[in-house]
């Protein structure tokens, strides 16, 4: 009967993994928006300069977008790591459940 508790924990980890994957999707969407916004800002500044040469590091809005992008990249890496760890735990628990079921069935056959 231990397998029931392990299976419940596996299901909880699966739910947590789904939540992290959803958050990962949101982060990717934000990162895509930031990339488009940064590109548009660079084009806007180049057009305004007249000569096509712009120092983006001096534009506060562009720098702000870069910092947000760095944060999202870090967050994405963290989510990837967490999802990978949960995948490993889920896989391990699946094996434990299968082994416990086999063990319980063997004991029932031997015992009576």
PDB file of N, CA and C in Angstrom:
ATOM      1  N   UNK A   1       0.808  -1.213   0.000  1.00  0.00           N
ATOM      2  CA  UNK A   1       0.000   0.000   0.000  1.00  0.00           C
ATOM      3  C   UNK A   1       0.848   1.273   0.000  1.00  0.00           C
ATOM      4  N   UNK A   2       2.136   1.112   0.192  1.00  0.00           N
ATOM      5  CA  UNK A   2       3.030   2.260   0.145  1.00  0.00           C
ATOM      6  C   UNK A   2       2.949   2.953  -1.202  1.00  0.00           C
ATOM      7  N   UNK A   3       2.673   2.171  -2.235  1.00  0.00           N
ATOM      8  CA  UNK A   3       2.640   2.737  -3.583  1.00  0.00           C
ATOM      9  C   UNK A   3       1.574   3.812  -3.737  1.00  0.00           C
ATOM     10  N   UNK A   4       0.506   3.750  -2.929  1.00  0.00           N
ATOM     11  CA  UNK A   4      -0.532   4.786  -3.020  1.00  0.00           C
ATOM     12  C   UNK A   4       0.000   6.147  -2.571  1.00  0.00           C
ATOM     13  N   UNK A   5       0.767   6.147  -1.492  1.00  0.00           N
ATOM     14  CA  UNK A   5       1.352   7.403  -1.004  1.00  0.00           C
ATOM     15  C   UNK A   5       2.373   7.942  -2.001  1.00  0.00           C
ATOM     16  N   UNK A   6       3.181   7.043  -2.550  1.00  0.00           N
ATOM     17  CA  UNK A   6       4.188   7.462  -3.528  1.00  0.00           C
ATOM     18  C   UNK A   6       3.505   7.999  -4.783  1.00  0.00           C
ATOM     19  N   UNK A   7       2.440   7.331  -5.207  1.00  0.00           N
ATOM     20  CA  UNK A   7       1.716   7.772  -6.398  1.00  0.00           C
ATOM     21  C   UNK A   7       1.073   9.141  -6.174  1.00  0.00           C
ATOM     22  N   UNK A   8       0.564   9.375  -4.972  1.00  0.00           N
ATOM     23  CA  UNK A   8      -0.015  10.689  -4.653  1.00  0.00           C
ATOM     24  C   UNK A   8       1.052  11.778  -4.732  1.00  0.00           C
ATOM     25  N   UNK A   9       2.234  11.485  -4.207  1.00  0.00           N
ATOM     26  CA  UNK A   9       3.332  12.456  -4.267  1.00  0.00           C
ATOM     27  C   UNK A   9       3.752  12.695  -5.715  1.00  0.00           C
ATOM     28  N   UNK A  10       3.775  11.640  -6.509  1.00  0.00           N
ATOM     29  CA  UNK A  10       4.122  11.758  -7.935  1.00  0.00           C
ATOM     30  C   UNK A  10       3.112  12.665  -8.639  1.00  0.00           C
ATOM     31  N   UNK A  11       1.832  12.486  -8.317  1.00  0.00           N
ATOM     32  CA  UNK A  11       0.789  13.323  -8.922  1.00  0.00           C
ATOM     33  C   UNK A  11       0.940  14.789  -8.522  1.00  0.00           C
ATOM     34  N   UNK A  12       1.332  15.016  -7.275  1.00  0.00           N
ATOM     35  CA  UNK A  12       1.571  16.385  -6.813  1.00  0.00           C
ATOM     36  C   UNK A  12       2.741  17.005  -7.582  1.00  0.00           C
ATOM     37  N   UNK A  13       3.810  16.246  -7.767  1.00  0.00           N
ATOM     38  CA  UNK A  13       4.953  16.736  -8.536  1.00  0.00           C
ATOM     39  C   UNK A  13       4.563  17.013  -9.985  1.00  0.00           C
ATOM     40  N   UNK A  14       3.704  16.176 -10.538  1.00  0.00           N
ATOM     41  CA  UNK A  14       3.243  16.376 -11.917  1.00  0.00           C
ATOM     42  C   UNK A  14       2.454  17.683 -12.025  1.00  0.00           C
ATOM     43  N   UNK A  15       1.625  17.958 -11.030  1.00  0.00           N
ATOM     44  CA  UNK A  15       0.872  19.213 -10.999  1.00  0.00           C
ATOM     45  C   UNK A  15       1.820  20.409 -10.895  1.00  0.00           C
ATOM     46  N   UNK A  16       2.811  20.302 -10.016  1.00  0.00           N
ATOM     47  CA  UNK A  16       3.787  21.386  -9.869  1.00  0.00           C
ATOM     48  C   UNK A  16       4.547  21.611 -11.176  1.00  0.00           C
ATOM     49  N   UNK A  17       4.880  20.527 -11.848  1.00  0.00           N
ATOM     50  CA  UNK A  17       5.586  20.631 -13.127  1.00  0.00           C
ATOM     51  C   UNK A  17       4.718  21.372 -14.150  1.00  0.00           C
ATOM     52  N   UNK A  18       3.431  21.061 -14.172  1.00  0.00           N
ATOM     53  CA  UNK A  18       2.515  21.736 -15.102  1.00  0.00           C
ATOM     54  C   UNK A  18       2.443  23.232 -14.812  1.00  0.00           C
ATOM     55  N   UNK A  19       2.422  23.582 -13.538  1.00  0.00           N
ATOM     56  CA  UNK A  19       2.393  24.993 -13.168  1.00  0.00           C
ATOM     57  C   UNK A  19       3.670  25.704 -13.608  1.00  0.00           C
ATOM     58  N   UNK A  20       4.806  25.035 -13.428  1.00  0.00           N
ATOM     59  CA  UNK A  20       6.077  25.620 -13.855  1.00  0.00           C
ATOM     60  C   UNK A  20       6.140  25.765 -15.374  1.00  0.00           C
ATOM     61  N   UNK A  21       5.602  24.796 -16.089  1.00  0.00           N
ATOM     62  CA  UNK A  21       5.584  24.879 -17.550  1.00  0.00           C
ATOM     63  C   UNK A  21       4.700  26.033 -18.017  1.00  0.00           C
ATOM     64  N   UNK A  22       3.603  26.265 -17.309  1.00  0.00           N
ATOM     65  CA  UNK A  22       2.739  27.399 -17.637  1.00  0.00           C
ATOM     66  C   UNK A  22       3.492  28.711 -17.404  1.00  0.00           C
ATOM     67  N   UNK A  23       4.172  28.802 -16.261  1.00  0.00           N
ATOM     68  CA  UNK A  23       4.958  30.002 -15.970  1.00  0.00           C
ATOM     69  C   UNK A  23       6.061  30.184 -17.017  1.00  0.00           C
ATOM     70  N   UNK A  24       6.647  29.076 -17.447  1.00  0.00           N
ATOM     71  CA  UNK A  24       7.686  29.113 -18.470  1.00  0.00           C
ATOM     72  C   UNK A  24       7.133  29.700 -19.777  1.00  0.00           C
ATOM     73  N   UNK A  25       5.917  29.325 -20.121  1.00  0.00           N
ATOM     74  CA  UNK A  25       5.269  29.863 -21.318  1.00  0.00           C
ATOM     75  C   UNK A  25       5.071  31.371 -21.189  1.00  0.00           C
ATOM     76  N   UNK A  26       4.641  31.812 -20.013  1.00  0.00           N
ATOM     77  CA  UNK A  26       4.458  33.247 -19.784  1.00  0.00           C
ATOM     78  C   UNK A  26       5.781  34.000 -19.907  1.00  0.00           C
ATOM     79  N   UNK A  27       6.833  33.430 -19.339  1.00  0.00           N
ATOM     80  CA  UNK A  27       8.154  34.065 -19.402  1.00  0.00           C
ATOM     81  C   UNK A  27       8.634  34.155 -20.852  1.00  0.00           C
ATOM     82  N   UNK A  28       8.424  33.085 -21.616  1.00  0.00           N
ATOM     83  CA  UNK A  28       8.835  33.103 -23.027  1.00  0.00           C
ATOM     84  C   UNK A  28       8.059  34.155 -23.808  1.00  0.00           C
ATOM     85  N   UNK A  29       6.768  34.288 -23.521  1.00  0.00           N
ATOM     86  CA  UNK A  29       5.960  35.312 -24.198  1.00  0.00           C
ATOM     87  C   UNK A  29       6.464  36.713 -23.867  1.00  0.00           C
ATOM     88  N   UNK A  30       6.781  36.931 -22.594  1.00  0.00           N
ATOM     89  CA  UNK A  30       7.316  38.231 -22.193  1.00  0.00           C
ATOM     90  C   UNK A  30       8.660  38.497 -22.869  1.00  0.00           C
ATOM     91  N   UNK A  31       9.508  37.480 -22.943  1.00  0.00           N
ATOM     92  CA  UNK A  31      10.822  37.635 -23.577  1.00  0.00           C
ATOM     93  C   UNK A  31      10.670  37.964 -25.059  1.00  0.00           C
ATOM     94  N   UNK A  32       9.723  37.317 -25.718  1.00  0.00           N
ATOM     95  CA  UNK A  32       9.471  37.614 -27.134  1.00  0.00           C
ATOM     96  C   UNK A  32       8.998  39.048 -27.315  1.00  0.00           C
ATOM     97  N   UNK A  33       8.106  39.493 -26.441  1.00  0.00           N
ATOM     98  CA  UNK A  33       7.622  40.869 -26.513  1.00  0.00           C
ATOM     99  C   UNK A  33       8.776  41.847 -26.299  1.00  0.00           C
ATOM    100  N   UNK A  34       9.635  41.552 -25.312  1.00  0.00           N
ATOM    101  CA  UNK A  34      10.772  42.432 -25.040  1.00  0.00           C
ATOM    102  C   UNK A  34      11.711  42.525 -26.240  1.00  0.00           C
ATOM    103  N   UNK A  35      11.965  41.399 -26.882  1.00  0.00           N
ATOM    104  CA  UNK A  35      12.851  41.398 -28.053  1.00  0.00           C
ATOM    105  C   UNK A  35      12.276  42.283 -29.159  1.00  0.00           C
ATOM    106  N   UNK A  36      10.977  42.179 -29.383  1.00  0.00           N
ATOM    107  CA  UNK A  36      10.328  43.017 -30.401  1.00  0.00           C
ATOM    108  C   UNK A  36      10.376  44.488 -30.004  1.00  0.00           C
ATOM    109  N   UNK A  37      10.136  44.754 -28.737  1.00  0.00           N
ATOM    110  CA  UNK A  37      10.139  46.130 -28.235  1.00  0.00           C
ATOM    111  C   UNK A  37      11.540  46.743 -28.338  1.00  0.00           C
ATOM    112  N   UNK A  38      12.563  45.949 -28.019  1.00  0.00           N
ATOM    113  CA  UNK A  38      13.944  46.434 -28.120  1.00  0.00           C
ATOM    114  C   UNK A  38      14.307  46.738 -29.575  1.00  0.00           C
ATOM    115  N   UNK A  39      13.892  45.875 -30.461  1.00  0.00           N
ATOM    116  CA  UNK A  39      14.160  46.078 -31.885  1.00  0.00           C
ATOM    117  C   UNK A  39      13.461  47.336 -32.392  1.00  0.00           C
ATOM    118  N   UNK A  40      12.206  47.494 -32.005  1.00  0.00           N
ATOM    119  CA  UNK A  40      11.443  48.674 -32.427  1.00  0.00           C
ATOM    120  C   UNK A  40      12.064  49.950 -31.866  1.00  0.00           C
ATOM    121  N   UNK A  41      12.513  49.896 -30.614  1.00  0.00           N
ATOM    122  CA  UNK A  41      13.128  51.072 -29.994  1.00  0.00           C
ATOM    123  C   UNK A  41      14.433  51.440 -30.705  1.00  0.00           C
ATOM    124  N   UNK A  42      15.226  50.417 -31.039  1.00  0.00           N
ATOM    125  CA  UNK A  42      16.487  50.668 -31.747  1.00  0.00           C
ATOM    126  C   UNK A  42      16.218  51.306 -33.108  1.00  0.00           C
ATOM    127  N   UNK A  43      15.233  50.798 -33.821  1.00  0.00           N
ATOM    128  CA  UNK A  43      14.877  51.368 -35.129  1.00  0.00           C
ATOM    129  C   UNK A  43      14.388  52.807 -34.984  1.00  0.00           C
ATOM    130  N   UNK A  44      13.587  53.031 -33.946  1.00  0.00           N
ATOM    131  CA  UNK A  44      13.049  54.371 -33.697  1.00  0.00           C
ATOM    132  C   UNK A  44      14.187  55.363 -33.424  1.00  0.00           C
ATOM    133  N   UNK A  45      15.137  54.953 -32.612  1.00  0.00           N
ATOM    134  CA  UNK A  45      16.257  55.837 -32.280  1.00  0.00           C
ATOM    135  C   UNK A  45      17.168  56.074 -33.483  1.00  0.00           C
ATOM    136  N   UNK A  46      17.367  55.035 -34.297  1.00  0.00           N
ATOM    137  CA  UNK A  46      18.190  55.182 -35.500  1.00  0.00           C
ATOM    138  C   UNK A  46      17.544  56.155 -36.485  1.00  0.00           C
ATOM    139  N   UNK A  47      16.229  56.052 -36.626  1.00  0.00           N
ATOM    140  CA  UNK A  47      15.510  56.951 -37.537  1.00  0.00           C
ATOM    141  C   UNK A  47      15.563  58.387 -37.030  1.00  0.00           C
ATOM    142  N   UNK A  48      15.478  58.558 -35.724  1.00  0.00           N
ATOM    143  CA  UNK A  48      15.480  59.900 -35.140  1.00  0.00           C
ATOM    144  C   UNK A  48      16.859  60.549 -35.203  1.00  0.00           C
ATOM    145  N   UNK A  49      17.904  59.731 -35.202  1.00  0.00           N
ATOM    146  CA  UNK A  49      19.261  60.297 -35.190  1.00  0.00           C
ATOM    147  C   UNK A  49      19.663  60.875 -36.542  1.00  0.00           C
ATOM    148  N   UNK A  50      19.075  60.364 -37.598  1.00  0.00           N
ATOM    149  CA  UNK A  50      19.381  60.878 -38.927  1.00  0.00           C
ATOM    150  C   UNK A  50      20.597  60.242 -39.560  1.00  0.00           C
ATOM    151  N   UNK A  51      21.618  59.949 -38.781  1.00  0.00           N
ATOM    152  CA  UNK A  51      22.831  59.363 -39.359  1.00  0.00           C
ATOM    153  C   UNK A  51      22.908  57.846 -39.139  1.00  0.00           C
ATOM    154  N   UNK A  52      21.940  57.278 -38.453  1.00  0.00           N
ATOM    155  CA  UNK A  52      21.879  55.831 -38.243  1.00  0.00           C
ATOM    156  C   UNK A  52      22.771  55.318 -37.134  1.00  0.00           C
ATOM    157  N   UNK A  53      23.490  56.222 -36.477  1.00  0.00           N
ATOM    158  CA  UNK A  53      24.362  55.794 -35.384  1.00  0.00           C
ATOM    159  C   UNK A  53      23.754  56.209 -34.061  1.00  0.00           C
ATOM    160  N   UNK A  54      23.500  55.194 -33.235  1.00  0.00           N
ATOM    161  CA  UNK A  54      22.846  55.448 -31.957  1.00  0.00           C
ATOM    162  C   UNK A  54      23.575  54.662 -30.876  1.00  0.00           C
ATOM    163  N   UNK A  55      23.757  55.302 -29.732  1.00  0.00           N
ATOM    164  CA  UNK A  55      24.324  54.601 -28.577  1.00  0.00           C
ATOM    165  C   UNK A  55      23.161  54.156 -27.695  1.00  0.00           C
ATOM    166  N   UNK A  56      22.775  52.903 -27.859  1.00  0.00           N
ATOM    167  CA  UNK A  56      21.610  52.387 -27.135  1.00  0.00           C
ATOM    168  C   UNK A  56      21.840  52.328 -25.628  1.00  0.00           C
ATOM    169  N   UNK A  57      23.101  52.265 -25.209  1.00  0.00           N
ATOM    170  CA  UNK A  57      23.406  52.204 -23.777  1.00  0.00           C
ATOM    171  C   UNK A  57      23.063  53.503 -23.053  1.00  0.00           C
ATOM    172  N   UNK A  58      22.859  54.575 -23.805  1.00  0.00           N
ATOM    173  CA  UNK A  58      22.495  55.856 -23.195  1.00  0.00           C
ATOM    174  C   UNK A  58      20.989  56.092 -23.175  1.00  0.00           C
ATOM    175  N   UNK A  59      20.223  55.177 -23.757  1.00  0.00           N
ATOM    176  CA  UNK A  59      18.767  55.314 -23.766  1.00  0.00           C
ATOM    177  C   UNK A  59      18.189  54.556 -22.572  1.00  0.00           C
ATOM    178  N   UNK A  60      17.581  55.292 -21.652  1.00  0.00           N
ATOM    179  CA  UNK A  60      17.084  54.693 -20.407  1.00  0.00           C
ATOM    180  C   UNK A  60      16.044  53.604 -20.662  1.00  0.00           C
ATOM    181  N   UNK A  61      15.164  53.838 -21.616  1.00  0.00           N
ATOM    182  CA  UNK A  61      14.114  52.847 -21.901  1.00  0.00           C
ATOM    183  C   UNK A  61      14.718  51.556 -22.444  1.00  0.00           C
ATOM    184  N   UNK A  62      15.670  51.695 -23.360  1.00  0.00           N
ATOM    185  CA  UNK A  62      16.313  50.516 -23.947  1.00  0.00           C
ATOM    186  C   UNK A  62      17.088  49.736 -22.877  1.00  0.00           C
ATOM    187  N   UNK A  63      17.790  50.450 -22.014  1.00  0.00           N
ATOM    188  CA  UNK A  63      18.542  49.808 -20.925  1.00  0.00           C
ATOM    189  C   UNK A  63      17.588  49.081 -19.986  1.00  0.00           C
ATOM    190  N   UNK A  64      16.448  49.698 -19.717  1.00  0.00           N
ATOM    191  CA  UNK A  64      15.430  49.059 -18.873  1.00  0.00           C
ATOM    192  C   UNK A  64      14.941  47.755 -19.503  1.00  0.00           C
ATOM    193  N   UNK A  65      14.716  47.784 -20.806  1.00  0.00           N
ATOM    194  CA  UNK A  65      14.291  46.572 -21.515  1.00  0.00           C
ATOM    195  C   UNK A  65      15.367  45.492 -21.451  1.00  0.00           C
ATOM    196  N   UNK A  66      16.626  45.893 -21.577  1.00  0.00           N
ATOM    197  CA  UNK A  66      17.729  44.932 -21.488  1.00  0.00           C
ATOM    198  C   UNK A  66      17.765  44.254 -20.119  1.00  0.00           C
ATOM    199  N   UNK A  67      17.577  45.044 -19.075  1.00  0.00           N
ATOM    200  CA  UNK A  67      17.597  44.488 -17.713  1.00  0.00           C
ATOM    201  C   UNK A  67      16.443  43.518 -17.509  1.00  0.00           C
ATOM    202  N   UNK A  68      15.283  43.865 -18.039  1.00  0.00           N
ATOM    203  CA  UNK A  68      14.139  42.954 -17.950  1.00  0.00           C
ATOM    204  C   UNK A  68      14.427  41.659 -18.699  1.00  0.00           C
ATOM    205  N   UNK A  69      15.074  41.784 -19.845  1.00  0.00           N
ATOM    206  CA  UNK A  69      15.423  40.600 -20.633  1.00  0.00           C
ATOM    207  C   UNK A  69      16.414  39.706 -19.873  1.00  0.00           C
ATOM    208  N   UNK A  70      17.385  40.319 -19.215  1.00  0.00           N
ATOM    209  CA  UNK A  70      18.348  39.556 -18.416  1.00  0.00           C
ATOM    210  C   UNK A  70      17.637  38.812 -17.286  1.00  0.00           C
ATOM    211  N   UNK A  71      16.714  39.507 -16.619  1.00  0.00           N
ATOM    212  CA  UNK A  71      15.955  38.864 -15.546  1.00  0.00           C
ATOM    213  C   UNK A  71      15.163  37.674 -16.088  1.00  0.00           C
ATOM    214  N   UNK A  72      14.493  37.868 -17.223  1.00  0.00           N
ATOM    215  CA  UNK A  72      13.685  36.790 -17.793  1.00  0.00           C
ATOM    216  C   UNK A  72      14.548  35.608 -18.234  1.00  0.00           C
ATOM    217  N   UNK A  73      15.735  35.887 -18.717  1.00  0.00           N
ATOM    218  CA  UNK A  73      16.653  34.809 -19.093  1.00  0.00           C
ATOM    219  C   UNK A  73      17.050  34.001 -17.862  1.00  0.00           C
ATOM    220  N   UNK A  74      17.346  34.699 -16.776  1.00  0.00           N
ATOM    221  CA  UNK A  74      17.679  34.019 -15.519  1.00  0.00           C
ATOM    222  C   UNK A  74      16.490  33.212 -15.020  1.00  0.00           C
ATOM    223  N   UNK A  75      15.314  33.801 -15.084  1.00  0.00           N
ATOM    224  CA  UNK A  75      14.096  33.105 -14.637  1.00  0.00           C
ATOM    225  C   UNK A  75      13.850  31.872 -15.500  1.00  0.00           C
ATOM    226  N   UNK A  76      14.059  31.987 -16.793  1.00  0.00           N
ATOM    227  CA  UNK A  76      13.876  30.865 -17.715  1.00  0.00           C
ATOM    228  C   UNK A  76      14.831  29.722 -17.356  1.00  0.00           C
ATOM    229  N   UNK A  77      16.078  30.060 -17.070  1.00  0.00           N
ATOM    230  CA  UNK A  77      17.052  29.040 -16.686  1.00  0.00           C
ATOM    231  C   UNK A  77      16.659  28.354 -15.385  1.00  0.00           C
ATOM    232  N   UNK A  78      16.150  29.133 -14.437  1.00  0.00           N
ATOM    233  CA  UNK A  78      15.697  28.570 -13.165  1.00  0.00           C
ATOM    234  C   UNK A  78      14.526  27.623 -13.387  1.00  0.00           C
ATOM    235  N   UNK A  79      13.578  28.036 -14.212  1.00  0.00           N
ATOM    236  CA  UNK A  79      12.420  27.184 -14.505  1.00  0.00           C
ATOM    237  C   UNK A  79      12.850  25.901 -15.205  1.00  0.00           C
ATOM    238  N   UNK A  80      13.783  26.003 -16.141  1.00  0.00           N
ATOM    239  CA  UNK A  80      14.291  24.808 -16.828  1.00  0.00           C
ATOM    240  C   UNK A  80      14.879  23.817 -15.827  1.00  0.00           C
ATOM    241  N   UNK A  81      15.655  24.340 -14.880  1.00  0.00           N
ATOM    242  CA  UNK A  81      16.274  23.487 -13.864  1.00  0.00           C
ATOM    243  C   UNK A  81      15.215  22.833 -12.985  1.00  0.00           C
ATOM    244  N   UNK A  82      14.241  23.616 -12.532  1.00  0.00           N
ATOM    245  CA  UNK A  82      13.190  23.075 -11.669  1.00  0.00           C
ATOM    246  C   UNK A  82      12.376  22.007 -12.391  1.00  0.00           C
ATOM    247  N   UNK A  83      12.052  22.248 -13.646  1.00  0.00           N
ATOM    248  CA  UNK A  83      11.277  21.277 -14.422  1.00  0.00           C
ATOM    249  C   UNK A  83      12.077  19.994 -14.612  1.00  0.00           C
ATOM    250  N   UNK A  84      13.352  20.134 -14.877  1.00  0.00           N
ATOM    251  CA  UNK A  84      14.215  18.963 -15.047  1.00  0.00           C
ATOM    252  C   UNK A  84      14.283  18.141 -13.757  1.00  0.00           C
ATOM    253  N   UNK A  85      14.422  18.821 -12.630  1.00  0.00           N
ATOM    254  CA  UNK A  85      14.454  18.117 -11.344  1.00  0.00           C
ATOM    255  C   UNK A  85      13.142  17.390 -11.073  1.00  0.00           C
ATOM    256  N   UNK A  86      12.035  18.051 -11.369  1.00  0.00           N
ATOM    257  CA  UNK A  86      10.736  17.406 -11.169  1.00  0.00           C
ATOM    258  C   UNK A  86      10.562  16.216 -12.106  1.00  0.00           C
ATOM    259  N   UNK A  87      11.036  16.336 -13.336  1.00  0.00           N
ATOM    260  CA  UNK A  87      10.984  15.200 -14.269  1.00  0.00           C
ATOM    261  C   UNK A  87      11.719  13.993 -13.695  1.00  0.00           C
ATOM    262  N   UNK A  88      12.894  14.253 -13.131  1.00  0.00           N
ATOM    263  CA  UNK A  88      13.668  13.163 -12.532  1.00  0.00           C
ATOM    264  C   UNK A  88      12.930  12.531 -11.357  1.00  0.00           C
ATOM    265  N   UNK A  89      12.345  13.363 -10.509  1.00  0.00           N
ATOM    266  CA  UNK A  89      11.599  12.854  -9.353  1.00  0.00           C
ATOM    267  C   UNK A  89      10.378  12.050  -9.797  1.00  0.00           C
ATOM    268  N   UNK A  90       9.668  12.561 -10.781  1.00  0.00           N
ATOM    269  CA  UNK A  90       8.469  11.876 -11.285  1.00  0.00           C
ATOM    270  C   UNK A  90       8.851  10.521 -11.862  1.00  0.00           C
ATOM    271  N   UNK A  91       9.909  10.492 -12.631  1.00  0.00           N
ATOM    272  CA  UNK A  91      10.376   9.233 -13.222  1.00  0.00           C
ATOM    273  C   UNK A  91      10.769   8.239 -12.135  1.00  0.00           C
ATOM    274  N   UNK A  92      11.474   8.727 -11.141  1.00  0.00           N
ATOM    275  CA  UNK A  92      11.892   7.874 -10.027  1.00  0.00           C
ATOM    276  C   UNK A  92      10.682   7.322  -9.275  1.00  0.00           C
ATOM    277  N   UNK A  93       9.699   8.167  -9.067  1.00  0.00           N
ATOM    278  CA  UNK A  93       8.505   7.730  -8.335  1.00  0.00           C
ATOM    279  C   UNK A  93       7.678   6.743  -9.146  1.00  0.00           C
ATOM    280  N   UNK A  94       7.632   6.907 -10.460  1.00  0.00           N
ATOM    281  CA  UNK A  94       6.933   5.928 -11.300  1.00  0.00           C
ATOM    282  C   UNK A  94       7.551   4.550 -11.112  1.00  0.00           C
ATOM    283  N   UNK A  95       8.880   4.518 -11.113  1.00  0.00           N
ATOM    284  CA  UNK A  95       9.589   3.254 -10.919  1.00  0.00           C
ATOM    285  C   UNK A  95       9.295   2.679  -9.538  1.00  0.00           C
ATOM    286  N   UNK A  96       9.309   3.536  -8.518  1.00  0.00           N
ATOM    287  CA  UNK A  96       9.025   3.072  -7.156  1.00  0.00           C
ATOM    288  C   UNK A  96       7.618   2.502  -7.054  1.00  0.00           C
ATOM    289  N   UNK A  97       6.647   3.165  -7.671  1.00  0.00           N
ATOM    290  CA  UNK A  97       5.259   2.682  -7.638  1.00  0.00           C
ATOM    291  C   UNK A  97       5.168   1.320  -8.305  1.00  0.00           C
ATOM    292  N   UNK A  98       5.779   1.191  -9.475  1.00  0.00           N
ATOM    293  CA  UNK A  98       5.734  -0.089 -10.190  1.00  0.00           C
ATOM    294  C   UNK A  98       6.389  -1.197  -9.371  1.00  0.00           C
ATOM    295  N   UNK A  99       7.524  -0.894  -8.757  1.00  0.00           N
ATOM    296  CA  UNK A  99       8.212  -1.896  -7.939  1.00  0.00           C
ATOM    297  C   UNK A  99       7.398  -2.279  -6.714  1.00  0.00           C
ATOM    298  N   UNK A 100       6.742  -1.299  -6.088  1.00  0.00           N
ATOM    299  CA  UNK A 100       5.918  -1.590  -4.913  1.00  0.00           C
ATOM    300  C   UNK A 100       4.697  -2.416  -5.279  1.00  0.00           C
ATOM    301  N   UNK A 101       4.104  -2.140  -6.436  1.00  0.00           N
ATOM    302  CA  UNK A 101       2.947  -2.927  -6.882  1.00  0.00           C
ATOM    303  C   UNK A 101       3.382  -4.362  -7.150  1.00  0.00           C
ATOM    304  N   UNK A 102       4.492  -4.529  -7.846  1.00  0.00           N
ATOM    305  CA  UNK A 102       4.999  -5.876  -8.130  1.00  0.00           C
ATOM    306  C   UNK A 102       5.311  -6.615  -6.839  1.00  0.00           C
ATOM    307  N   UNK A 103       5.920  -5.911  -5.911  1.00  0.00           N
ATOM    308  CA  UNK A 103       6.269  -6.514  -4.628  1.00  0.00           C
ATOM    309  C   UNK A 103       5.016  -6.922  -3.865  1.00  0.00           C
ATOM    310  N   UNK A 104       3.998  -6.069  -3.857  1.00  0.00           N
ATOM    311  CA  UNK A 104       2.742  -6.384  -3.163  1.00  0.00           C
ATOM    312  C   UNK A 104       2.059  -7.583  -3.795  1.00  0.00           C
ATOM    313  N   UNK A 105       2.064  -7.636  -5.118  1.00  0.00           N
ATOM    314  CA  UNK A 105       1.445  -8.767  -5.813  1.00  0.00           C
ATOM    315  C   UNK A 105       2.196 -10.055  -5.519  1.00  0.00           C
ATOM    316  N   UNK A 106       3.513  -9.990  -5.489  1.00  0.00           N
ATOM    317  CA  UNK A 106       4.317 -11.183  -5.190  1.00  0.00           C
ATOM    318  C   UNK A 106       4.044 -11.675  -3.785  1.00  0.00           C
ATOM    319  N   UNK A 107       3.950 -10.751  -2.842  1.00  0.00           N
ATOM    320  CA  UNK A 107       3.677 -11.147  -1.458  1.00  0.00           C
ATOM    321  C   UNK A 107       2.295 -11.770  -1.333  1.00  0.00           C
ATOM    322  N   UNK A 108       1.323 -11.235  -2.051  1.00  0.00           N
ATOM    323  CA  UNK A 108      -0.027 -11.798  -2.009  1.00  0.00           C
ATOM    324  C   UNK A 108      -0.054 -13.200  -2.597  1.00  0.00           C
ATOM    325  N   UNK A 109       0.697 -13.426  -3.659  1.00  0.00           N
ATOM    326  CA  UNK A 109       0.745 -14.751  -4.272  1.00  0.00           C
ATOM    327  C   UNK A 109       1.455 -15.747  -3.366  1.00  0.00           C
ATOM    328  N   UNK A 110       2.511 -15.308  -2.723  1.00  0.00           N
ATOM    329  CA  UNK A 110       3.257 -16.190  -1.828  1.00  0.00           C
ATOM    330  C   UNK A 110       2.454 -16.462  -0.566  1.00  0.00           C
ATOM    331  N   UNK A 111       1.847 -15.411  -0.050  1.00  0.00           N
ATOM    332  CA  UNK A 111       1.149 -15.519   1.226  1.00  0.00           C
ATOM    333  C   UNK A 111      -0.208 -16.177   1.150  1.00  0.00           C
ATOM    334  N   UNK A 112      -0.760 -16.264   0.018  1.00  0.00           N
ATOM    335  CA  UNK A 112      -2.016 -16.918   0.121  1.00  0.00           C
ATOM    336  C   UNK A 112      -2.904 -16.799  -0.988  1.00  0.00           C
TER     337      UNK A 112
END
